[in-house]
């Protein structure tokens, strides 16, 4: 699923009161991951379509511990694709990074992506 409403994720961040540090928090912590892919000129739609066709997004959504895995198109930059992920734990994110489909996405990035910015946030459970 890809959304044209690019700023949706900012409401998501505010809703979960995200922070970059959990040093003062106790209890279970979810992981929110914000990934900005900057794609070669004119290749964003092809990159996104290839992710879907290869089942990378569906496989990620099906992983144990995945709560959200959605792509967003930037209205301001035709070469930017945003991925928002929510995971039940840090361990779930680490496990995700070892999967076949994660590695396949890494190979696609070599073909399509010029730069990637990743931000991770901790969400403390109440």
PDB file of N, CA and C in Angstrom:
ATOM      1  N   UNK A   1       0.852  -1.170   0.000  1.00  0.00           N
ATOM      2  CA  UNK A   1       0.000   0.000   0.000  1.00  0.00           C
ATOM      3  C   UNK A   1       0.900   1.236   0.000  1.00  0.00           C
ATOM      4  N   UNK A   2       0.607   2.166  -0.840  1.00  0.00           N
ATOM      5  CA  UNK A   2       1.393   3.390  -0.915  1.00  0.00           C
ATOM      6  C   UNK A   2       0.454   4.580  -0.782  1.00  0.00           C
ATOM      7  N   UNK A   3       0.819   5.509   0.057  1.00  0.00           N
ATOM      8  CA  UNK A   3      -0.033   6.647   0.317  1.00  0.00           C
ATOM      9  C   UNK A   3       0.545   7.911  -0.306  1.00  0.00           C
ATOM     10  N   UNK A   4      -0.315   8.738  -0.856  1.00  0.00           N
ATOM     11  CA  UNK A   4       0.114  10.039  -1.354  1.00  0.00           C
ATOM     12  C   UNK A   4       0.128  11.083  -0.248  1.00  0.00           C
ATOM     13  N   UNK A   5      -0.472  10.782   0.874  1.00  0.00           N
ATOM     14  CA  UNK A   5      -0.525  11.725   1.987  1.00  0.00           C
ATOM     15  C   UNK A   5       0.772  11.596   2.768  1.00  0.00           C
ATOM     16  N   UNK A   6       1.764  12.329   2.332  1.00  0.00           N
ATOM     17  CA  UNK A   6       3.127  12.196   2.825  1.00  0.00           C
ATOM     18  C   UNK A   6       3.269  12.582   4.295  1.00  0.00           C
ATOM     19  N   UNK A   7       2.540  13.567   4.756  1.00  0.00           N
ATOM     20  CA  UNK A   7       2.715  14.044   6.128  1.00  0.00           C
ATOM     21  C   UNK A   7       1.939  13.237   7.153  1.00  0.00           C
ATOM     22  N   UNK A   8       1.300  12.180   6.722  1.00  0.00           N
ATOM     23  CA  UNK A   8       0.570  11.318   7.641  1.00  0.00           C
ATOM     24  C   UNK A   8       1.470  10.814   8.762  1.00  0.00           C
ATOM     25  N   UNK A   9       2.698  10.464   8.417  1.00  0.00           N
ATOM     26  CA  UNK A   9       3.590   9.873   9.405  1.00  0.00           C
ATOM     27  C   UNK A   9       3.927  10.830  10.541  1.00  0.00           C
ATOM     28  N   UNK A  10       3.882  12.143  10.322  1.00  0.00           N
ATOM     29  CA  UNK A  10       4.182  13.069  11.413  1.00  0.00           C
ATOM     30  C   UNK A  10       3.135  12.963  12.512  1.00  0.00           C
ATOM     31  N   UNK A  11       1.890  12.746  12.126  1.00  0.00           N
ATOM     32  CA  UNK A  11       0.842  12.535  13.126  1.00  0.00           C
ATOM     33  C   UNK A  11       1.095  11.234  13.879  1.00  0.00           C
ATOM     34  N   UNK A  12       1.621  10.247  13.177  1.00  0.00           N
ATOM     35  CA  UNK A  12       1.938   8.970  13.786  1.00  0.00           C
ATOM     36  C   UNK A  12       3.010   9.149  14.852  1.00  0.00           C
ATOM     37  N   UNK A  13       4.041   9.932  14.526  1.00  0.00           N
ATOM     38  CA  UNK A  13       5.115  10.202  15.480  1.00  0.00           C
ATOM     39  C   UNK A  13       4.559  10.913  16.711  1.00  0.00           C
ATOM     40  N   UNK A  14       3.740  11.939  16.492  1.00  0.00           N
ATOM     41  CA  UNK A  14       3.163  12.681  17.607  1.00  0.00           C
ATOM     42  C   UNK A  14       2.253  11.799  18.452  1.00  0.00           C
ATOM     43  N   UNK A  15       1.463  10.963  17.799  1.00  0.00           N
ATOM     44  CA  UNK A  15       0.523  10.096  18.511  1.00  0.00           C
ATOM     45  C   UNK A  15       1.246   9.173  19.485  1.00  0.00           C
ATOM     46  N   UNK A  16       2.377   8.623  19.069  1.00  0.00           N
ATOM     47  CA  UNK A  16       3.098   7.683  19.906  1.00  0.00           C
ATOM     48  C   UNK A  16       4.166   8.335  20.779  1.00  0.00           C
ATOM     49  N   UNK A  17       4.252   9.668  20.741  1.00  0.00           N
ATOM     50  CA  UNK A  17       5.203  10.394  21.576  1.00  0.00           C
ATOM     51  C   UNK A  17       6.605   9.788  21.468  1.00  0.00           C
ATOM     52  N   UNK A  18       7.124   9.769  20.272  1.00  0.00           N
ATOM     53  CA  UNK A  18       8.401   9.124  20.011  1.00  0.00           C
ATOM     54  C   UNK A  18       9.564   9.914  20.576  1.00  0.00           C
ATOM     55  N   UNK A  19      10.571   9.176  20.971  1.00  0.00           N
ATOM     56  CA  UNK A  19      11.813   9.814  21.407  1.00  0.00           C
ATOM     57  C   UNK A  19      12.984   9.000  20.882  1.00  0.00           C
ATOM     58  N   UNK A  20      14.140   9.616  20.851  1.00  0.00           N
ATOM     59  CA  UNK A  20      15.333   8.939  20.366  1.00  0.00           C
ATOM     60  C   UNK A  20      16.039   8.155  21.466  1.00  0.00           C
ATOM     61  N   UNK A  21      15.618   8.317  22.713  1.00  0.00           N
ATOM     62  CA  UNK A  21      16.293   7.652  23.822  1.00  0.00           C
ATOM     63  C   UNK A  21      15.287   7.009  24.760  1.00  0.00           C
ATOM     64  N   UNK A  22      15.661   5.851  25.292  1.00  0.00           N
ATOM     65  CA  UNK A  22      14.784   5.190  26.260  1.00  0.00           C
ATOM     66  C   UNK A  22      15.456   5.094  27.623  1.00  0.00           C
ATOM     67  N   UNK A  23      16.529   5.809  27.818  1.00  0.00           N
ATOM     68  CA  UNK A  23      17.298   5.673  29.048  1.00  0.00           C
ATOM     69  C   UNK A  23      16.471   5.948  30.298  1.00  0.00           C
ATOM     70  N   UNK A  24      15.443   6.792  30.202  1.00  0.00           N
ATOM     71  CA  UNK A  24      14.636   7.121  31.362  1.00  0.00           C
ATOM     72  C   UNK A  24      13.317   6.348  31.395  1.00  0.00           C
ATOM     73  N   UNK A  25      13.108   5.465  30.425  1.00  0.00           N
ATOM     74  CA  UNK A  25      11.844   4.745  30.340  1.00  0.00           C
ATOM     75  C   UNK A  25      12.024   3.303  30.777  1.00  0.00           C
ATOM     76  N   UNK A  26      10.936   2.718  31.267  1.00  0.00           N
ATOM     77  CA  UNK A  26      10.955   1.316  31.677  1.00  0.00           C
ATOM     78  C   UNK A  26       9.865   0.575  30.919  1.00  0.00           C
ATOM     79  N   UNK A  27       9.990  -0.734  30.888  1.00  0.00           N
ATOM     80  CA  UNK A  27       8.960  -1.534  30.254  1.00  0.00           C
ATOM     81  C   UNK A  27       9.308  -1.869  28.820  1.00  0.00           C
ATOM     82  N   UNK A  28       8.344  -2.441  28.147  1.00  0.00           N
ATOM     83  CA  UNK A  28       8.525  -2.886  26.773  1.00  0.00           C
ATOM     84  C   UNK A  28       8.594  -1.691  25.827  1.00  0.00           C
ATOM     85  N   UNK A  29       9.440  -1.809  24.805  1.00  0.00           N
ATOM     86  CA  UNK A  29       9.651  -0.721  23.873  1.00  0.00           C
ATOM     87  C   UNK A  29       9.423  -1.209  22.448  1.00  0.00           C
ATOM     88  N   UNK A  30       8.588  -0.489  21.702  1.00  0.00           N
ATOM     89  CA  UNK A  30       8.399  -0.741  20.280  1.00  0.00           C
ATOM     90  C   UNK A  30       9.430   0.078  19.514  1.00  0.00           C
ATOM     91  N   UNK A  31       9.652  -0.296  18.265  1.00  0.00           N
ATOM     92  CA  UNK A  31      10.578   0.434  17.407  1.00  0.00           C
ATOM     93  C   UNK A  31       9.818   1.024  16.220  1.00  0.00           C
ATOM     94  N   UNK A  32       9.966   2.323  16.038  1.00  0.00           N
ATOM     95  CA  UNK A  32       9.412   3.043  14.888  1.00  0.00           C
ATOM     96  C   UNK A  32      10.586   3.381  13.994  1.00  0.00           C
ATOM     97  N   UNK A  33      10.498   3.001  12.719  1.00  0.00           N
ATOM     98  CA  UNK A  33      11.605   3.229  11.786  1.00  0.00           C
ATOM     99  C   UNK A  33      11.089   4.058  10.618  1.00  0.00           C
ATOM    100  N   UNK A  34      11.799   5.119  10.328  1.00  0.00           N
ATOM    101  CA  UNK A  34      11.475   6.047   9.233  1.00  0.00           C
ATOM    102  C   UNK A  34      12.636   5.971   8.237  1.00  0.00           C
ATOM    103  N   UNK A  35      12.331   5.534   7.008  1.00  0.00           N
ATOM    104  CA  UNK A  35      13.379   5.358   5.994  1.00  0.00           C
ATOM    105  C   UNK A  35      13.053   6.237   4.785  1.00  0.00           C
ATOM    106  N   UNK A  36      13.970   7.122   4.445  1.00  0.00           N
ATOM    107  CA  UNK A  36      13.828   7.967   3.256  1.00  0.00           C
ATOM    108  C   UNK A  36      14.762   7.420   2.179  1.00  0.00           C
ATOM    109  N   UNK A  37      14.172   6.945   1.093  1.00  0.00           N
ATOM    110  CA  UNK A  37      14.954   6.495  -0.062  1.00  0.00           C
ATOM    111  C   UNK A  37      14.974   7.615  -1.087  1.00  0.00           C
ATOM    112  N   UNK A  38      16.165   8.013  -1.507  1.00  0.00           N
ATOM    113  CA  UNK A  38      16.320   8.985  -2.581  1.00  0.00           C
ATOM    114  C   UNK A  38      16.774   8.192  -3.808  1.00  0.00           C
ATOM    115  N   UNK A  39      15.895   8.145  -4.793  1.00  0.00           N
ATOM    116  CA  UNK A  39      16.026   7.248  -5.932  1.00  0.00           C
ATOM    117  C   UNK A  39      16.570   8.004  -7.145  1.00  0.00           C
ATOM    118  N   UNK A  40      17.228   7.278  -8.031  1.00  0.00           N
ATOM    119  CA  UNK A  40      17.735   7.875  -9.267  1.00  0.00           C
ATOM    120  C   UNK A  40      16.595   8.570 -10.009  1.00  0.00           C
ATOM    121  N   UNK A  41      16.933   9.635 -10.712  1.00  0.00           N
ATOM    122  CA  UNK A  41      15.932  10.446 -11.418  1.00  0.00           C
ATOM    123  C   UNK A  41      14.958   9.584 -12.222  1.00  0.00           C
ATOM    124  N   UNK A  42      13.673   9.803 -11.938  1.00  0.00           N
ATOM    125  CA  UNK A  42      12.621   9.148 -12.692  1.00  0.00           C
ATOM    126  C   UNK A  42      12.414   7.673 -12.395  1.00  0.00           C
ATOM    127  N   UNK A  43      13.064   7.134 -11.376  1.00  0.00           N
ATOM    128  CA  UNK A  43      12.998   5.699 -11.097  1.00  0.00           C
ATOM    129  C   UNK A  43      12.182   5.336  -9.850  1.00  0.00           C
ATOM    130  N   UNK A  44      11.597   6.334  -9.174  1.00  0.00           N
ATOM    131  CA  UNK A  44      10.884   6.055  -7.929  1.00  0.00           C
ATOM    132  C   UNK A  44       9.751   5.061  -8.121  1.00  0.00           C
ATOM    133  N   UNK A  45       8.886   5.284  -9.119  1.00  0.00           N
ATOM    134  CA  UNK A  45       7.739   4.404  -9.317  1.00  0.00           C
ATOM    135  C   UNK A  45       8.170   2.988  -9.683  1.00  0.00           C
ATOM    136  N   UNK A  46       9.221   2.879 -10.480  1.00  0.00           N
ATOM    137  CA  UNK A  46       9.747   1.563 -10.856  1.00  0.00           C
ATOM    138  C   UNK A  46      10.315   0.845  -9.633  1.00  0.00           C
ATOM    139  N   UNK A  47      11.033   1.568  -8.792  1.00  0.00           N
ATOM    140  CA  UNK A  47      11.580   1.007  -7.559  1.00  0.00           C
ATOM    141  C   UNK A  47      10.448   0.495  -6.669  1.00  0.00           C
ATOM    142  N   UNK A  48       9.456   1.320  -6.452  1.00  0.00           N
ATOM    143  CA  UNK A  48       8.319   0.935  -5.614  1.00  0.00           C
ATOM    144  C   UNK A  48       7.583  -0.275  -6.201  1.00  0.00           C
ATOM    145  N   UNK A  49       7.328  -0.247  -7.489  1.00  0.00           N
ATOM    146  CA  UNK A  49       6.623  -1.339  -8.163  1.00  0.00           C
ATOM    147  C   UNK A  49       7.411  -2.655  -8.031  1.00  0.00           C
ATOM    148  N   UNK A  50       8.720  -2.578  -8.158  1.00  0.00           N
ATOM    149  CA  UNK A  50       9.562  -3.768  -8.044  1.00  0.00           C
ATOM    150  C   UNK A  50       9.517  -4.338  -6.630  1.00  0.00           C
ATOM    151  N   UNK A  51       9.507  -3.477  -5.632  1.00  0.00           N
ATOM    152  CA  UNK A  51       9.374  -3.919  -4.236  1.00  0.00           C
ATOM    153  C   UNK A  51       8.082  -4.719  -4.075  1.00  0.00           C
ATOM    154  N   UNK A  52       7.004  -4.187  -4.629  1.00  0.00           N
ATOM    155  CA  UNK A  52       5.710  -4.873  -4.515  1.00  0.00           C
ATOM    156  C   UNK A  52       5.693  -6.177  -5.300  1.00  0.00           C
ATOM    157  N   UNK A  53       6.183  -6.150  -6.537  1.00  0.00           N
ATOM    158  CA  UNK A  53       6.161  -7.333  -7.399  1.00  0.00           C
ATOM    159  C   UNK A  53       6.977  -8.480  -6.823  1.00  0.00           C
ATOM    160  N   UNK A  54       8.054  -8.167  -6.146  1.00  0.00           N
ATOM    161  CA  UNK A  54       8.905  -9.212  -5.570  1.00  0.00           C
ATOM    162  C   UNK A  54       8.403  -9.687  -4.201  1.00  0.00           C
ATOM    163  N   UNK A  55       7.344  -9.068  -3.707  1.00  0.00           N
ATOM    164  CA  UNK A  55       6.750  -9.502  -2.447  1.00  0.00           C
ATOM    165  C   UNK A  55       7.501  -9.063  -1.207  1.00  0.00           C
ATOM    166  N   UNK A  56       8.397  -8.097  -1.354  1.00  0.00           N
ATOM    167  CA  UNK A  56       9.210  -7.645  -0.223  1.00  0.00           C
ATOM    168  C   UNK A  56       8.341  -6.988   0.851  1.00  0.00           C
ATOM    169  N   UNK A  57       7.446  -6.123   0.437  1.00  0.00           N
ATOM    170  CA  UNK A  57       6.588  -5.436   1.409  1.00  0.00           C
ATOM    171  C   UNK A  57       5.668  -6.429   2.111  1.00  0.00           C
ATOM    172  N   UNK A  58       5.048  -7.315   1.355  1.00  0.00           N
ATOM    173  CA  UNK A  58       4.141  -8.305   1.953  1.00  0.00           C
ATOM    174  C   UNK A  58       4.880  -9.229   2.911  1.00  0.00           C
ATOM    175  N   UNK A  59       6.074  -9.655   2.540  1.00  0.00           N
ATOM    176  CA  UNK A  59       6.860 -10.529   3.410  1.00  0.00           C
ATOM    177  C   UNK A  59       7.236  -9.811   4.706  1.00  0.00           C
ATOM    178  N   UNK A  60       7.555  -8.539   4.607  1.00  0.00           N
ATOM    179  CA  UNK A  60       7.888  -7.758   5.812  1.00  0.00           C
ATOM    180  C   UNK A  60       6.667  -7.610   6.710  1.00  0.00           C
ATOM    181  N   UNK A  61       5.519  -7.334   6.115  1.00  0.00           N
ATOM    182  CA  UNK A  61       4.281  -7.200   6.897  1.00  0.00           C
ATOM    183  C   UNK A  61       3.900  -8.503   7.592  1.00  0.00           C
ATOM    184  N   UNK A  62       4.269  -9.627   6.996  1.00  0.00           N
ATOM    185  CA  UNK A  62       3.910 -10.935   7.537  1.00  0.00           C
ATOM    186  C   UNK A  62       4.846 -11.399   8.662  1.00  0.00           C
ATOM    187  N   UNK A  63       5.930 -10.695   8.865  1.00  0.00           N
ATOM    188  CA  UNK A  63       6.884 -11.096   9.897  1.00  0.00           C
ATOM    189  C   UNK A  63       6.283 -10.950  11.289  1.00  0.00           C
ATOM    190  N   UNK A  64       6.697 -11.860  12.153  1.00  0.00           N
ATOM    191  CA  UNK A  64       6.286 -11.762  13.549  1.00  0.00           C
ATOM    192  C   UNK A  64       6.857 -10.468  14.128  1.00  0.00           C
ATOM    193  N   UNK A  65       6.034  -9.709  14.802  1.00  0.00           N
ATOM    194  CA  UNK A  65       6.480  -8.462  15.411  1.00  0.00           C
ATOM    195  C   UNK A  65       6.264  -7.227  14.558  1.00  0.00           C
ATOM    196  N   UNK A  66       5.862  -7.405  13.285  1.00  0.00           N
ATOM    197  CA  UNK A  66       5.609  -6.232  12.450  1.00  0.00           C
ATOM    198  C   UNK A  66       4.211  -5.689  12.727  1.00  0.00           C
ATOM    199  N   UNK A  67       4.121  -4.399  12.951  1.00  0.00           N
ATOM    200  CA  UNK A  67       2.848  -3.724  13.216  1.00  0.00           C
ATOM    201  C   UNK A  67       2.456  -2.786  12.084  1.00  0.00           C
ATOM    202  N   UNK A  68       3.446  -2.324  11.328  1.00  0.00           N
ATOM    203  CA  UNK A  68       3.190  -1.384  10.226  1.00  0.00           C
ATOM    204  C   UNK A  68       4.377  -1.422   9.288  1.00  0.00           C
ATOM    205  N   UNK A  69       4.066  -1.386   7.982  1.00  0.00           N
ATOM    206  CA  UNK A  69       5.104  -1.354   6.953  1.00  0.00           C
ATOM    207  C   UNK A  69       4.460  -0.748   5.716  1.00  0.00           C
ATOM    208  N   UNK A  70       4.545   0.584   5.588  1.00  0.00           N
ATOM    209  CA  UNK A  70       3.855   1.300   4.524  1.00  0.00           C
ATOM    210  C   UNK A  70       4.774   2.307   3.843  1.00  0.00           C
ATOM    211  N   UNK A  71       4.556   2.451   2.540  1.00  0.00           N
ATOM    212  CA  UNK A  71       5.310   3.392   1.721  1.00  0.00           C
ATOM    213  C   UNK A  71       4.471   4.639   1.445  1.00  0.00           C
ATOM    214  N   UNK A  72       5.168   5.772   1.310  1.00  0.00           N
ATOM    215  CA  UNK A  72       4.536   7.057   1.042  1.00  0.00           C
ATOM    216  C   UNK A  72       5.314   7.770  -0.066  1.00  0.00           C
ATOM    217  N   UNK A  73       4.599   8.417  -0.966  1.00  0.00           N
ATOM    218  CA  UNK A  73       5.223   9.198  -2.029  1.00  0.00           C
ATOM    219  C   UNK A  73       5.315  10.655  -1.601  1.00  0.00           C
ATOM    220  N   UNK A  74       6.486  11.228  -1.755  1.00  0.00           N
ATOM    221  CA  UNK A  74       6.659  12.638  -1.430  1.00  0.00           C
ATOM    222  C   UNK A  74       6.000  13.505  -2.495  1.00  0.00           C
ATOM    223  N   UNK A  75       5.169  14.466  -2.088  1.00  0.00           N
ATOM    224  CA  UNK A  75       4.586  15.379  -3.076  1.00  0.00           C
ATOM    225  C   UNK A  75       5.572  16.449  -3.530  1.00  0.00           C
ATOM    226  N   UNK A  76       6.671  16.594  -2.787  1.00  0.00           N
ATOM    227  CA  UNK A  76       7.643  17.649  -3.071  1.00  0.00           C
ATOM    228  C   UNK A  76       8.872  17.164  -3.831  1.00  0.00           C
ATOM    229  N   UNK A  77       9.128  15.867  -3.792  1.00  0.00           N
ATOM    230  CA  UNK A  77      10.336  15.331  -4.420  1.00  0.00           C
ATOM    231  C   UNK A  77       9.963  14.048  -5.158  1.00  0.00           C
ATOM    232  N   UNK A  78       9.958  14.109  -6.466  1.00  0.00           N
ATOM    233  CA  UNK A  78       9.542  12.954  -7.273  1.00  0.00           C
ATOM    234  C   UNK A  78      10.534  11.794  -7.204  1.00  0.00           C
ATOM    235  N   UNK A  79      11.671  12.003  -6.544  1.00  0.00           N
ATOM    236  CA  UNK A  79      12.670  10.945  -6.415  1.00  0.00           C
ATOM    237  C   UNK A  79      12.789  10.423  -4.985  1.00  0.00           C
ATOM    238  N   UNK A  80      11.815  10.742  -4.135  1.00  0.00           N
ATOM    239  CA  UNK A  80      11.857  10.287  -2.746  1.00  0.00           C
ATOM    240  C   UNK A  80      10.710   9.327  -2.467  1.00  0.00           C
ATOM    241  N   UNK A  81      11.050   8.227  -1.816  1.00  0.00           N
ATOM    242  CA  UNK A  81      10.072   7.242  -1.355  1.00  0.00           C
ATOM    243  C   UNK A  81      10.297   7.060   0.134  1.00  0.00           C
ATOM    244  N   UNK A  82       9.251   7.222   0.920  1.00  0.00           N
ATOM    245  CA  UNK A  82       9.333   7.108   2.370  1.00  0.00           C
ATOM    246  C   UNK A  82       8.743   5.776   2.800  1.00  0.00           C
ATOM    247  N   UNK A  83       9.434   5.094   3.682  1.00  0.00           N
ATOM    248  CA  UNK A  83       8.949   3.859   4.281  1.00  0.00           C
ATOM    249  C   UNK A  83       8.797   4.080   5.775  1.00  0.00           C
ATOM    250  N   UNK A  84       7.621   3.758   6.300  1.00  0.00           N
ATOM    251  CA  UNK A  84       7.362   3.835   7.735  1.00  0.00           C
ATOM    252  C   UNK A  84       7.133   2.418   8.247  1.00  0.00           C
ATOM    253  N   UNK A  85       7.883   2.063   9.282  1.00  0.00           N
ATOM    254  CA  UNK A  85       7.773   0.736   9.879  1.00  0.00           C
ATOM    255  C   UNK A  85       7.515   0.869  11.373  1.00  0.00           C
ATOM    256  N   UNK A  86       6.729  -0.042  11.910  1.00  0.00           N
ATOM    257  CA  UNK A  86       6.531  -0.137  13.349  1.00  0.00           C
ATOM    258  C   UNK A  86       6.699  -1.597  13.730  1.00  0.00           C
ATOM    259  N   UNK A  87       7.557  -1.837  14.712  1.00  0.00           N
ATOM    260  CA  UNK A  87       7.887  -3.189  15.151  1.00  0.00           C
ATOM    261  C   UNK A  87       7.601  -3.335  16.638  1.00  0.00           C
ATOM    262  N   UNK A  88       7.233  -4.537  17.043  1.00  0.00           N
ATOM    263  CA  UNK A  88       6.867  -4.809  18.431  1.00  0.00           C
ATOM    264  C   UNK A  88       8.052  -4.693  19.386  1.00  0.00           C
ATOM    265  N   UNK A  89       9.272  -4.842  18.863  1.00  0.00           N
ATOM    266  CA  UNK A  89      10.449  -4.809  19.729  1.00  0.00           C
ATOM    267  C   UNK A  89      11.714  -4.561  18.904  1.00  0.00           C
ATOM    268  N   UNK A  90      12.772  -4.253  19.602  1.00  0.00           N
ATOM    269  CA  UNK A  90      14.078  -4.119  18.958  1.00  0.00           C
ATOM    270  C   UNK A  90      14.502  -5.448  18.342  1.00  0.00           C
ATOM    271  N   UNK A  91      14.201  -6.524  19.036  1.00  0.00           N
ATOM    272  CA  UNK A  91      14.546  -7.856  18.538  1.00  0.00           C
ATOM    273  C   UNK A  91      13.862  -8.138  17.203  1.00  0.00           C
ATOM    274  N   UNK A  92      12.610  -7.700  17.054  1.00  0.00           N
ATOM    275  CA  UNK A  92      11.888  -7.907  15.795  1.00  0.00           C
ATOM    276  C   UNK A  92      12.572  -7.166  14.646  1.00  0.00           C
ATOM    277  N   UNK A  93      13.075  -5.976  14.915  1.00  0.00           N
ATOM    278  CA  UNK A  93      13.794  -5.213  13.884  1.00  0.00           C
ATOM    279  C   UNK A  93      15.084  -5.930  13.505  1.00  0.00           C
ATOM    280  N   UNK A  94      15.795  -6.425  14.488  1.00  0.00           N
ATOM    281  CA  UNK A  94      17.047  -7.130  14.223  1.00  0.00           C
ATOM    282  C   UNK A  94      16.791  -8.409  13.431  1.00  0.00           C
ATOM    283  N   UNK A  95      15.748  -9.131  13.761  1.00  0.00           N
ATOM    284  CA  UNK A  95      15.381 -10.336  13.020  1.00  0.00           C
ATOM    285  C   UNK A  95      15.005  -9.986  11.588  1.00  0.00           C
ATOM    286  N   UNK A  96      14.264  -8.903  11.408  1.00  0.00           N
ATOM    287  CA  UNK A  96      13.881  -8.429  10.077  1.00  0.00           C
ATOM    288  C   UNK A  96      15.122  -8.202   9.208  1.00  0.00           C
ATOM    289  N   UNK A  97      16.150  -7.641   9.798  1.00  0.00           N
ATOM    290  CA  UNK A  97      17.379  -7.343   9.060  1.00  0.00           C
ATOM    291  C   UNK A  97      18.144  -8.571   8.590  1.00  0.00           C
ATOM    292  N   UNK A  98      17.753  -9.747   9.067  1.00  0.00           N
ATOM    293  CA  UNK A  98      18.417 -10.989   8.671  1.00  0.00           C
ATOM    294  C   UNK A  98      17.622 -11.792   7.643  1.00  0.00           C
ATOM    295  N   UNK A  99      16.470 -11.280   7.230  1.00  0.00           N
ATOM    296  CA  UNK A  99      15.604 -12.039   6.332  1.00  0.00           C
ATOM    297  C   UNK A  99      16.075 -11.963   4.877  1.00  0.00           C
ATOM    298  N   UNK A 100      15.631 -12.936   4.117  1.00  0.00           N
ATOM    299  CA  UNK A 100      15.957 -12.989   2.685  1.00  0.00           C
ATOM    300  C   UNK A 100      15.409 -11.758   1.961  1.00  0.00           C
ATOM    301  N   UNK A 101      14.164 -11.372   2.272  1.00  0.00           N
ATOM    302  CA  UNK A 101      13.557 -10.235   1.576  1.00  0.00           C
ATOM    303  C   UNK A 101      14.219  -8.908   1.953  1.00  0.00           C
ATOM    304  N   UNK A 102      14.734  -8.787   3.163  1.00  0.00           N
ATOM    305  CA  UNK A 102      15.480  -7.587   3.538  1.00  0.00           C
ATOM    306  C   UNK A 102      16.762  -7.491   2.703  1.00  0.00           C
ATOM    307  N   UNK A 103      17.435  -8.609   2.556  1.00  0.00           N
ATOM    308  CA  UNK A 103      18.659  -8.631   1.756  1.00  0.00           C
ATOM    309  C   UNK A 103      18.354  -8.355   0.283  1.00  0.00           C
ATOM    310  N   UNK A 104      17.203  -8.845  -0.190  1.00  0.00           N
ATOM    311  CA  UNK A 104      16.797  -8.571  -1.570  1.00  0.00           C
ATOM    312  C   UNK A 104      16.529  -7.079  -1.771  1.00  0.00           C
ATOM    313  N   UNK A 105      15.923  -6.436  -0.773  1.00  0.00           N
ATOM    314  CA  UNK A 105      15.716  -4.995  -0.841  1.00  0.00           C
ATOM    315  C   UNK A 105      17.061  -4.270  -0.915  1.00  0.00           C
ATOM    316  N   UNK A 106      18.043  -4.752  -0.182  1.00  0.00           N
ATOM    317  CA  UNK A 106      19.380  -4.167  -0.245  1.00  0.00           C
ATOM    318  C   UNK A 106      19.981  -4.238  -1.647  1.00  0.00           C
ATOM    319  N   UNK A 107      19.726  -5.346  -2.335  1.00  0.00           N
ATOM    320  CA  UNK A 107      20.196  -5.480  -3.712  1.00  0.00           C
ATOM    321  C   UNK A 107      19.472  -4.505  -4.638  1.00  0.00           C
ATOM    322  N   UNK A 108      18.172  -4.329  -4.431  1.00  0.00           N
ATOM    323  CA  UNK A 108      17.414  -3.367  -5.238  1.00  0.00           C
ATOM    324  C   UNK A 108      17.908  -1.947  -4.998  1.00  0.00           C
ATOM    325  N   UNK A 109      18.251  -1.647  -3.759  1.00  0.00           N
ATOM    326  CA  UNK A 109      18.761  -0.309  -3.442  1.00  0.00           C
ATOM    327  C   UNK A 109      20.021  -0.007  -4.241  1.00  0.00           C
ATOM    328  N   UNK A 110      20.866  -0.994  -4.442  1.00  0.00           N
ATOM    329  CA  UNK A 110      22.081  -0.764  -5.222  1.00  0.00           C
ATOM    330  C   UNK A 110      21.754  -0.350  -6.648  1.00  0.00           C
ATOM    331  N   UNK A 111      20.650  -0.860  -7.158  1.00  0.00           N
ATOM    332  CA  UNK A 111      20.245  -0.551  -8.528  1.00  0.00           C
ATOM    333  C   UNK A 111      19.526   0.789  -8.643  1.00  0.00           C
ATOM    334  N   UNK A 112      18.700   1.132  -7.649  1.00  0.00           N
ATOM    335  CA  UNK A 112      17.802   2.283  -7.774  1.00  0.00           C
ATOM    336  C   UNK A 112      18.119   3.477  -6.882  1.00  0.00           C
ATOM    337  N   UNK A 113      18.715   3.265  -5.732  1.00  0.00           N
ATOM    338  CA  UNK A 113      18.792   4.299  -4.696  1.00  0.00           C
ATOM    339  C   UNK A 113      20.153   4.986  -4.689  1.00  0.00           C
ATOM    340  N   UNK A 114      20.114   6.323  -4.586  1.00  0.00           N
ATOM    341  CA  UNK A 114      21.349   7.102  -4.504  1.00  0.00           C
ATOM    342  C   UNK A 114      21.714   7.450  -3.060  1.00  0.00           C
ATOM    343  N   UNK A 115      20.708   7.526  -2.175  1.00  0.00           N
ATOM    344  CA  UNK A 115      20.956   7.854  -0.771  1.00  0.00           C
ATOM    345  C   UNK A 115      19.798   7.334   0.075  1.00  0.00           C
ATOM    346  N   UNK A 116      20.110   6.944   1.300  1.00  0.00           N
ATOM    347  CA  UNK A 116      19.106   6.468   2.238  1.00  0.00           C
ATOM    348  C   UNK A 116      19.342   7.130   3.583  1.00  0.00           C
ATOM    349  N   UNK A 117      18.279   7.647   4.171  1.00  0.00           N
ATOM    350  CA  UNK A 117      18.346   8.201   5.525  1.00  0.00           C
ATOM    351  C   UNK A 117      17.405   7.373   6.389  1.00  0.00           C
ATOM    352  N   UNK A 118      17.942   6.835   7.487  1.00  0.00           N
ATOM    353  CA  UNK A 118      17.158   5.992   8.391  1.00  0.00           C
ATOM    354  C   UNK A 118      17.150   6.633   9.769  1.00  0.00           C
ATOM    355  N   UNK A 119      15.955   6.756  10.324  1.00  0.00           N
ATOM    356  CA  UNK A 119      15.798   7.248  11.698  1.00  0.00           C
ATOM    357  C   UNK A 119      15.008   6.204  12.475  1.00  0.00           C
ATOM    358  N   UNK A 120      15.495   5.861  13.653  1.00  0.00           N
ATOM    359  CA  UNK A 120      14.800   4.907  14.519  1.00  0.00           C
ATOM    360  C   UNK A 120      14.393   5.619  15.798  1.00  0.00           C
ATOM    361  N   UNK A 121      13.190   5.301  16.228  1.00  0.00           N
ATOM    362  CA  UNK A 121      12.656   5.898  17.440  1.00  0.00           C
ATOM    363  C   UNK A 121      12.138   4.786  18.354  1.00  0.00           C
ATOM    364  N   UNK A 122      12.278   5.003  19.645  1.00  0.00           N
ATOM    365  CA  UNK A 122      11.744   4.072  20.621  1.00  0.00           C
ATOM    366  C   UNK A 122      10.394   4.567  21.098  1.00  0.00           C
ATOM    367  N   UNK A 123       9.463   3.638  21.247  1.00  0.00           N
ATOM    368  CA  UNK A 123       8.141   3.962  21.751  1.00  0.00           C
ATOM    369  C   UNK A 123       7.933   3.145  23.011  1.00  0.00           C
ATOM    370  N   UNK A 124       7.841   3.798  24.150  1.00  0.00           N
ATOM    371  CA  UNK A 124       7.625   3.093  25.406  1.00  0.00           C
ATOM    372  C   UNK A 124       6.168   2.690  25.532  1.00  0.00           C
ATOM    373  N   UNK A 125       5.951   1.459  25.939  1.00  0.00           N
ATOM    374  CA  UNK A 125       4.583   0.972  26.171  1.00  0.00           C
ATOM    375  C   UNK A 125       4.119   1.498  27.522  1.00  0.00           C
ATOM    376  N   UNK A 126       2.852   1.796  27.586  1.00  0.00           N
ATOM    377  CA  UNK A 126       2.290   2.257  28.875  1.00  0.00           C
ATOM    378  C   UNK A 126       2.098   1.097  29.814  1.00  0.00           C
TER     379      UNK A 126
END
